[in-house]
C-alpha cells in the first residue's frame, strides 16, 4: 500500500536529522523561522497529536470533534531548546510505528470515518493519515533548506 511506503520512507528520512551536530541544529531555513532543533521537536509533538487523533477517530465515533493544538505555545513552553533529541528520536520512531500499524489496518477499511477538526472542519481518517506524511515531508524540506543555505546539506 502506497501510504505505508510513504510513512516508512518519511520515518527513515526524518530519523537521520535527529543526529545533526549542535551547529546544524541551530540553523534555520529563513530569518525569524524555527531552527532545525525546534523543527524536530515540533515534528515529534505533531506526530503524537496526529497519532492521538487517529486513535480518537477510530474509537470515538460518531464524528468526534478534535481540537487543533497551538504549536507556537507548545514550542514556547515545552523546552524545545534543551529537550534531549535522543528522547525525541525514540518518541518519533515509536509513535510513527504505531501510525504505520494503524494505517496498515484501517486506512482502507475505515478511511472514510469522519471527524470535525476545530480549525479546518470536516475531515476523514484518510485525510489525517495523509497529513502525517505531508507534515513530515514539509519539515524535512525545511531542514534540508536550512542545511543547503549554509552549504552543509548531507
Protein backbone atom coordinates (compact mmCIF):
# COMPACT_ATOMS: atom_id res chain seq x y z
CA UNK A 1 0.00 0.00 0.00
CA UNK A 2 1.46 3.35 -1.08
CA UNK A 3 0.63 5.20 2.16
CA UNK A 4 2.57 2.63 4.21
CA UNK A 5 5.62 3.02 2.00
CA UNK A 6 5.43 6.81 2.34
CA UNK A 7 5.09 6.54 6.13
CA UNK A 8 8.14 4.26 6.30
CA UNK A 9 10.19 6.40 3.93
CA UNK A 10 9.49 9.68 5.73
CA UNK A 11 10.25 8.00 9.05
CA UNK A 12 13.69 6.94 7.85
CA UNK A 13 14.36 10.35 6.29
CA UNK A 14 13.40 12.19 9.47
CA UNK A 15 15.34 9.94 11.86
CA UNK A 16 18.60 10.92 10.15
CA UNK A 17 18.19 14.56 11.23
CA UNK A 18 17.92 13.84 14.95
CA UNK A 19 21.67 13.13 14.85
CA UNK A 20 22.73 16.53 13.45
CA UNK A 21 25.51 18.44 15.16
CA UNK A 22 24.61 21.27 17.51
CA UNK A 23 25.73 23.80 14.89
CA UNK A 24 23.47 22.22 12.25
CA UNK A 25 20.59 22.05 14.73
CA UNK A 26 20.94 25.81 15.27
CA UNK A 27 20.49 26.56 11.55
CA UNK A 28 17.22 27.93 10.22
CA UNK A 29 15.69 27.92 6.75
CA UNK A 30 14.80 31.60 6.99
CA UNK A 31 15.00 34.76 9.06
CA UNK A 32 12.71 34.51 12.07
CA UNK A 33 11.85 30.85 11.34
CA UNK A 34 12.34 27.94 13.72
CA UNK A 35 15.77 26.37 13.73
CA UNK A 36 16.29 22.68 12.99
CA UNK A 37 16.16 21.71 16.68
CA UNK A 38 12.74 23.36 17.01
CA UNK A 39 11.52 21.77 13.78
CA UNK A 40 12.47 18.31 15.07
CA UNK A 41 10.85 18.89 18.46
CA UNK A 42 7.72 20.17 16.72
CA UNK A 43 7.66 17.17 14.38
CA UNK A 44 7.65 14.86 17.42
CA UNK A 45 4.86 16.78 19.14
CA UNK A 46 2.79 16.92 15.97
CA UNK A 47 3.33 13.21 15.37
CA UNK A 48 1.98 12.41 18.86
CA UNK A 49 -1.03 14.70 18.31
CA UNK A 50 -1.77 13.13 14.92
CA UNK A 51 -1.49 9.62 16.38
CA UNK A 52 -3.90 10.59 19.16
CA UNK A 53 -6.34 11.96 16.58
CA UNK A 54 -6.15 8.78 14.51
CA UNK A 55 -6.97 6.72 17.61
CA UNK A 56 -9.85 9.03 18.53
CA UNK A 57 -11.28 8.91 15.02
CA UNK A 58 -11.26 5.13 15.17
CA UNK A 59 -12.66 4.81 18.68
CA UNK A 60 -14.89 7.82 19.39
CA UNK A 61 -17.48 7.60 16.66
CA UNK A 62 -19.78 9.03 15.56
CA UNK A 63 -17.90 12.05 14.28
CA UNK A 64 -15.77 13.32 17.18
CA UNK A 65 -14.68 16.94 17.45
CA UNK A 66 -10.90 17.14 17.71
CA UNK A 67 -9.12 20.31 18.71
CA UNK A 68 -6.18 21.94 17.00
CA UNK A 69 -3.07 22.41 19.10
CA UNK A 70 -1.22 25.71 19.42
CA UNK A 71 2.19 24.79 18.01
CA UNK A 72 3.77 28.13 18.96
CA UNK A 73 2.61 27.78 22.56
CA UNK A 74 3.96 24.24 22.71
CA UNK A 75 7.31 25.43 21.36
CA UNK A 76 7.44 28.28 23.86
CA UNK A 77 6.54 26.22 26.91
CA UNK A 78 7.84 22.70 26.31
CA UNK A 79 11.60 23.21 26.49
CA UNK A 80 12.40 22.87 22.79
CA UNK A 81 15.83 24.44 23.41
CA UNK A 82 17.05 21.68 25.70
CA UNK A 83 14.73 18.69 25.42
CA UNK A 84 17.03 15.73 24.65
CA UNK A 85 16.88 14.82 20.97
CA UNK A 86 17.76 11.22 21.85
CA UNK A 87 14.43 11.02 23.68
CA UNK A 88 12.63 12.88 20.88
CA UNK A 89 14.05 10.45 18.32
CA UNK A 90 12.75 7.46 20.30
CA UNK A 91 9.31 9.03 20.68
CA UNK A 92 9.13 9.87 16.98
CA UNK A 93 10.15 6.36 15.96
CA UNK A 94 7.74 4.61 18.31
CA UNK A 95 4.78 6.84 17.52
CA UNK A 96 5.43 6.52 13.79
CA UNK A 97 5.48 2.73 14.17
CA UNK A 98 2.06 2.95 15.84
CA UNK A 99 0.75 5.12 13.00
CA UNK A 100 2.11 2.66 10.43
CA UNK A 101 0.34 -0.18 12.23
CA UNK A 102 -2.95 1.72 12.43
CA UNK A 103 -2.71 2.82 8.79
CA UNK A 104 -1.99 -0.71 7.59
CA UNK A 105 -5.01 -1.98 9.48
CA UNK A 106 -7.55 0.83 8.94
CA UNK A 107 -6.56 3.21 6.12
CA UNK A 108 -8.67 1.38 3.54
CA UNK A 109 -11.32 -0.28 5.69
CA UNK A 110 -12.09 2.77 7.88
CA UNK A 111 -10.60 5.61 5.85
CA UNK A 112 -13.94 7.28 5.30
CA UNK A 113 -14.66 7.74 9.03
CA UNK A 114 -15.25 11.42 9.61
CA UNK A 115 -14.37 13.87 12.34
CA UNK A 116 -14.60 17.58 12.89
CA UNK A 117 -11.30 19.41 13.25
CA UNK A 118 -11.75 22.58 15.29
CA UNK A 119 -9.79 24.64 12.79
CA UNK A 120 -10.42 23.05 9.40
CA UNK A 121 -13.82 21.39 9.71
CA UNK A 122 -14.98 18.05 8.35
CA UNK A 123 -12.19 15.57 7.58
CA UNK A 124 -11.63 11.82 7.30
CA UNK A 125 -9.29 9.26 8.78
CA UNK A 126 -7.53 9.05 5.40
CA UNK A 127 -7.05 12.82 5.47
CA UNK A 128 -5.37 12.61 8.87
CA UNK A 129 -3.07 9.73 7.94
CA UNK A 130 -2.15 11.51 4.70
CA UNK A 131 -1.39 14.60 6.81
CA UNK A 132 1.21 12.62 8.78
CA UNK A 133 3.22 12.13 5.57
CA UNK A 134 2.67 15.67 4.30
CA UNK A 135 3.65 17.25 7.63
CA UNK A 136 6.83 15.24 7.93
CA UNK A 137 7.86 15.90 4.31
CA UNK A 138 7.16 19.61 4.78
CA UNK A 139 9.51 19.91 7.75
CA UNK A 140 12.18 17.65 6.26
CA UNK A 141 12.24 20.06 3.30
CA UNK A 142 12.70 23.00 5.68
CA UNK A 143 15.57 21.23 7.46
CA UNK A 144 17.21 20.42 4.14
CA UNK A 145 16.76 24.02 3.03
CA UNK A 146 18.45 25.24 6.24
CA UNK A 147 21.38 22.92 5.68
CA UNK A 148 21.70 23.83 1.99
CA UNK A 149 21.59 27.54 2.68
CA UNK A 150 24.66 27.06 4.84
CA UNK A 151 26.36 24.75 2.32
CA UNK A 152 26.15 21.71 4.55
CA UNK A 153 23.35 19.55 3.19
CA UNK A 154 24.27 15.94 3.78
